[in-house]
Each structure stands twice: as C-alpha cells, then as structure tokens.
Amino acid sequence: MSSQAARQGHPVQYRFADFLLCPQQAALWKAGVRISLTPKPLATLIVLVEHAGKTVSKEAILSAVWGGLAVEENNLTQCISTLRKTLGEKRGENRFIATEPGTGYRFVAPVVTSLAINEQQSPVKTDDPLPQPRATPRRWIALLVAAACVCIAAAFFWSHRKVTNGTAGHRSVAVLDIRNLSKDGSEAWLAMALPEMLTSELASDSRLRAIPSDDLVRWRSDLGSTALRSGQAELIRLAQRSLGADTFVLGSYVVIGVCPDCRIRVDLRVYDASTGGSLATIIDEDGAPNLLDLAARLGLKLRSVLGANGALPPPSWPAASAMRHYAEGLDALRRVDPTSATDHLQTALAADPGNALIHAASADAWAALGYVTRAKQESLAAFQLSKSLSSLEQLGIEARYRISLQQWDRAIDIYQKVFAILPDSLEDGLNLARAQYRGNKNADASATLQKLRQLPKPAGNDPRIDLIEAQNAGVSRDFVKTRDYAHRAAMEAKARGARYVYARSRLLEGGAMQTLRDPDFLAVQTDARQVCESIGDRECVSQAWRIRGNARFFQGDFTEAEAAYDRGAAVARELGDRAELANLLNGLGVVAESKQDWPAAEKNFQEAIGLKKETGYNPSEVQVQLAYLYLRLGRLRDSARVTEEALAEARKVDAHEDLGELLFVRASQQRAAGQLAAAQRSAEQAIEELRFSRSNSLPLAQAGLSSILTARGDLANAERALAGASAAGSSGSGAIELARAELLFAKNQFQQASDEARRSADDFTRARETGSAAMARVVEAKSLDMLGNAENAQHVAEETLRTPGLAAEPVAVSWARLTVWRLTDQLGFRVPPALHSDIANLKDPELSLEEDFDRAVRAKRAGMGEARQLFRELANCAADQDYLTISRRARRLE
C-alpha cells in the first residue's frame, strides 16, 4: 500500500528503529527531536531508504543526489560516513547501511512506510548546533608571511611507511590494487591491509625498490572514481604516467566462509610496466588466523618472480588480533580522519601494546589532532620498541622521533645515511630535504632537491620536489621564488592528475601571491580550496578558509573574514584538529578586537591559549594578543600576568619572535606604570630578539623605543631609534609616524609634528585601532595649540572624543577628555572632579603629569599667580620620575 502511494505521488514517511524520515519536509527525526543533517547526506539517506533492502549503485546515488554534476566519489563516501555517525552505527555494525564493495550501498534496517499526515506538527526542539567559530593575524605582515609558508600536513611531510629498499639499477615494483570480490563486505579491510603487507614484503629485499604504500594510496585518491571503474589495463596505463616503477602488481581476494573461521584466497598478477604484458600469476589461500603467514608466502613468490630469491626474516607486523584495526587506522590517517584513526589505533594497541609500528602510526594520529605531547610519547614508545625491526626501519622510526623533538641535526644525519644507501629513492631524498629546510639548512635542502631532479623521470620531475623548494624559499622569505616553484609544482601535479599535491601547491602559491600583493591571489586560493573539498582533504580545506579569512581581514572586510574563520573552525572541530582550531580562534579574536567586541575577543584568545596548552604547542603567540588586548583596555595587572606567563613559555622553546613581542608588551606596561628606565631596557631587549628572528614587528618596537626615549628627554637617541624604521601596512606606519610626531613636538617643531600626527591618525583609523588613532589626534591637537591655532586644536580634540567605540578604551579617552578640557575657554584651572577621578584610577604617571601640566597652562593663560609655582612643582616632579621632556616644557613656561 505505501509503495503504491509513493508511486502515485502521495507524500510518505519512513520509520526505522527510533527514526522517522520525512522526504517531503526534508527532515529526519529521532524520538521527537529533529536531527541536523546537511542537504547532501539527507538526500543520500532518502535514496537509500526508498530502495531499502536493495543495493543502490554509486552511480545512481551520485546522479540522484548531485543531479548529474561531475563530482568525485569521495563526496559520496563522506556522506555515507556522516550518515553512519548520525544514525549511531558503531564501527563494523552495519545496522543501517551496508557497503557493497565496488558496487554501491544497501539500507539493511527494517523500514515501515506510511502516508505522511499533513496535520503533523514538527517538534520545536532541535539539536542543530550553534555556529562555531594557524597564520595568526597578530601582526598583518607576520600573517601574510605565514600565508606564504603554509605547512603541509605531517602525514604528507613524514609519510608513515617503512623505508624502501633498492639501489640504482634494481627493479622497482608497485602494488597497485587488490580488490575485494567477496559478496560480504565485512572483511573489506583486507583491501587496505594486503597491499600494505605485500609492499613491506617486497621492500624488505635490498635488491628491490617498492613504491611506498602512502604514494599508492594518494595516487588512487587522485584518480577518484576512475580507479574503481578502470579495468586492469587502464589502471596500468594510468600508473605508467605517474609512478616510477617498472613492475606492477594487481590482484583480488575472496573471503570464503564466516570469519574468524573463514579462509582467504588471494590472486595476484605481475605486469611489466612498459609493455603492460603479464609476467606471472600467483594464487594462494589460508585461514584468516594465518594471514601473516599467507602474506609472507605471497611475498616470497613475488620476490622470486622479480629475481630476488630467498627467504627473509618476516616483517614485525602487529599481532593478528590487532591487524584489522591497525590497517583501518592507517587508512583513516591517509584519508585525513585522525579521530577515527586514533580510535582504531588505540584498539590495536590494546591488542598488541608492544608493537612499534602501531605506536608510530598512533604518533601520527595524535600529531594530526594537534596533541603534540601525546604524539611525542608515542614516538618515543615506537623508538624504544623498534629493536625488533630491520636496521632501515629502525632508522626511519628514530628519524620521526627526532623530528617530534625538533632535533633536526640528528634527523638530518639519519636521513643522510638512508639516502646514501638508497640514492635513487625519491621518498628518502624528499624526507632528507624536508628535514634540512625545517632545520634551517636551506642551502643543503636545495642541494638535495637538485640531486633528486637528476633521477630518471617520472621521479626526477616529481612535483613534490618543486613544492619543497617553494617551502624552502618561503622559510628564507623569498616569496617570488616560493610563488614560482609552487606554480611549477602545481602544473606538474595537474599534468599527472595528482590532485592532492596540486591543491597543496596552489594553496602555497596563493599564499605567496598574497604576500606579494598579487591581485589574483584569491582566485588561486579558492581554486586550491575547491580541489581540497573535492578530494575530501579537510585539513587543507580548514587551512584554506583560514588563509581566506586572513585576506579578507586585511582588506578590511571583517564580516567576510569572520565567516571564513568560522567555516574553517567548523571543519577543524569536525576533524578534531585542535591545533588548527586554536589558530582559527586566534583569527576570530583579532576580528572581534577590530570590531571592538572586547568580550568575544577575550573569549576567543583564552580558548585558543587553552587549546595550545592542551595540545602541547607554545601558546605565547596568542598570549601576545591577549596581553595587548588587556593593555588596550587599561587592565595592566591582567596584561602583566599574561605577559610573564607567556615569557616563561616562549623562553622554554627559544621562540625569539614571541619573546621580542612579549618584551615589547612588557615595555609598554612598564611605561604605563612610569618605569621608564625599565621600559627602555625591555624595549631594547625586544629589538634584539625581533632583529635576531628577522621579524616584521621590528619597526613597531623601534617606534616604541623612540617614544620612550622621547619621554625621557633623550631626543638624539630617540631619532636614532627611528632611523631606517619602515613598515608595510597601516598599523605599522601609524606607530612610526606617531613616534616621529612625539619627537618633533619635543623638539618644538610643531607644524611638522601636527602633520605627522595627522598621518598617523589616518593610518591607525584605517587599521581600526581606535585608541592609537585617538592618541595621534591628541598630539595633533596639542601641536596646533602650540602654533596658536586653538580653534582647530579644539575641533580636533572634540572630534576625537566623539569617535565611535573610544569609550571602551579608558586610557585613550582620558587623554582626549583632558585635551578638550585644556582647550576650552571655561574659567579656572581645576580639572573637573569626574575627569580627575578617572585619571587617578588609571594610575598612569605620564597622564597624571600631563594633567598637572594642563592645569598650569590654564592658570597661566588666565593670568593667575599660581601658574609659576605650578610649573616649578611640575618640573621637579617630572624630573624626579624621569620624564625629562615634560620637565623641560614646564621649565620653559615657568
């Protein structure tokens, strides 16, 4: 009855388990609560439920859900994964959706179909989540540098694999694919495990060079649905174009019976890569508990066919009870799903806690989630347990351990040894070059990459060579070279169909273009993000949204910047990448600060700091932001607390740029407290650290030091501090111009001081730094007053006080109010009680001295006898406190 109603166009609804699916409403309910599902997963569920009990081909689902658009199969895979989580399926249960390998999917739960009731009221309660909010925009130039130096994922840099054997002139082999021909998909994990095991068996012989499993997985991912549709001849043709191997292995397996009492039959064919001709057929089978023995026999037969006879010690695979979860953990890692990978690998470790390979993979998973400390622990465990592995495998695991500790020299030594043994191994050469550039051995990295270019094609023009060269140039801040090499890498990757490398290269290219202010950077970054989305590389998608947010931020489009950061944060939360989430929250904090949403800025910064600490990363870069925020709000005690905590963290890891910025924050705090000598020392130390790290924040610190020296009356050195200081961007330019205006005012060059202060205020206004812009306007107003242009001075001061949002910055607003009072024509020299109370509460010695100076000026202008005494007392008090410029001004007017 119900199916007939559906065919006749009547609205129907479907019940299964605790769920109610209403296609007409495009809604899924559970126990009266509407479940949040995005359109594509919901449409996929409707297709499957409407054909419950029947296998729906992947092509049919793609056609029904995507309307015939050209999309990759990975989009469907992600939808199925989302549905399984939403329906509460536990791993391996298949209570609702069963996978039919190579064919499609089948909805297996009992479904009751009925007519939809029009009067049915939708429950009001939903579980729709609220909107969820690493270049970090703490300085605009620093952020652009970070955009150009986008780091590729750890899984891409340091592939979790065994070191491949093989020397020049020896046979190379790639295990392309082993398909599951079983009717039951419950043992589909073997399609991942068998290629991994056979690749390891082949790599264990020094007479052969096996293409690493990671490369093959990425190659198949780049092919997308093409790989599933292709026959063996087509796969061989595609592999000839991309993989540097002269022999290919293809095959299939069938599971007979019900596991664990089942038997596994494996059929392999060996092909000549150049001709596509068959070299041999290998068939073997065994019981599921003997999987490792089966793989060893297949490996022995394969090596024999390839001319490498002789038995070898068996690889140190996980125990049979752990093998499935180990294989599924590796697969999840390669799909950039570290949360799922961690779950599988923890289960594998529970079954075989002494296996080095599981610990090594677990280290990768924790690192991908951003848990650096946990990743280090797993790397150490893998290193300590690696004695049972071959010497090359031990070296590979130790190198990874040294990298986790950032012991670059030791990691470089290890990779140099491996590369010397295997000079034609592209992977090991790439690992060496990565370690060299990460260890600041930039010339050595370029030399290694040049050696790799001399390898025969396709290895010699592998796009990753140019990609690493681009990253190496980015570390050296040669962004033209970064852009050019990244573009070359992208074009070669595109020619090979290597979409993963293409997307990462384009992302780096777009970052460099953004730094170079190339107007086409956004189109390149968008292209990169869209490719990342199409292949399901969510880590790349999250980074791309962050970079887009950076771009929008510096274009002054804070709404779009916030939206981009929010989208990136949502992906990072879904992925479980807490380190990337911290970076995005930092961006959201800066946007909130620019919009003067102080509570949101504080909340985002605090959450980012918490995530950095939780995951073992240095939080000092975000603490710099929070300390600046507190300083801007006049919360000196909070600012000092955060600064001292951050300084301790930054010193632990020798983070020179963070140290420099924090020391400059401390200098600002000390100046606000009237400790000018200490402030000068801190500013000088900040300049040393920032100069050492070649930081783009150096001009800001130079401007700050100049301002402190001006206040102390050391005008010659104040001028020297500004010599050569220049900054790109409105904020940096504004700071330098303000310091110069203060110096010109102290030198009685009031017209120049007024002009420079006006330029500074305009730059700060463009940068949305309201408090700094107000301080520049105060200098402009005082300069105009000293020129005798009191009317314009008063106009500037009053306009400053009316600046939207200034009331939230107590220090700047007090300076502006005091300047307005000084310029009014009201009688008397006593500061209004409310203003005097606010100034006293700020406990800012310089502001208090300025209050006394303005009182004396008003007394003098009114012809009051107290003026001279007021100036004399002020001059002495200012000199005692080291404010010699104010003291000299008072002496001149005494």
Foldseek 3Di string as FASTA:
>chain_A
DQLVCVVVPFFKWKDFDQWIQGVVVLWIDGPQATEDDDQQLSQLVVVQLNVAPDFDFLVNSCCRRVVPDDFFSVVVVVSVVVVCVSVPPDPLPCQAWFAFFLTGIHGHTDMDMDGDDPPDDRRPHYPDDDQFFALFVPDLLSSLLCLLQPDDAPCVQQPLWFQAAEAPPAAEEEAQWAAEPERHCSVVLVRQQLRRLLLVLQRVFNRYGYDTPLVNVLLVLLCGCVVSPDDPLVSLVLCLLPPPGQKYKYWYKYWADDPPQIKIKIWIWMAGSVPRHTQDIDIDMDHLQCVQVRSQVVSQVVCVSSVNHDHDPRAQAQHSQLSSLLSVLSVCVSLLQLVSSLVSLVSSCVVPVLALSSLQSNLSSLVSLLQLVSSLVSLVSSQVSCPVGDPSRNLSSVLVNCVSVPVLVSNLVSLVVSCVNHVLDLSSLSNNLLSCLSNVVLVVSLVSLCSQLPHDPPRNVQLVSLQSNLSSVSLVVNLVSNLVSLVSSLVVCVVSSSLVSNLVSLSSNLSSCVSVVPVCSLVSLVVSLVSCVSSSVLVSVLSSLQSVLSSCVQVVNLVSSRVSLSVSLVSSVSSSNLLSNLNSLSSNLVSCVLVVVLVSNLVSLVSSLVSCVSSVHQSLVSLLVNLVSCVQQLVLVVSVVSLVVSCVSCVVVVVLLSQLSSLQSVLSSCQQLLNLVSSLVSLVSSLVSCVVSVHLCNLLSLLVNLQSCLQLVVLVVSVVSLVPRDHPALQSQLSSLQSVLSSCVLVVVLVSSLVSLCSSLVSCVVSSNLLSSLSSLLSNLVSCVSVVNLVVSLVSLVVSLVDPPCVSRLVSNLSSVLSNVLSDPDDALDDPPVSVVSVVVSSGVVSVLVSLVSSLSRCVVVVHPCNLVSLCVSLVVSVVSSRNSSNVVSVVVD
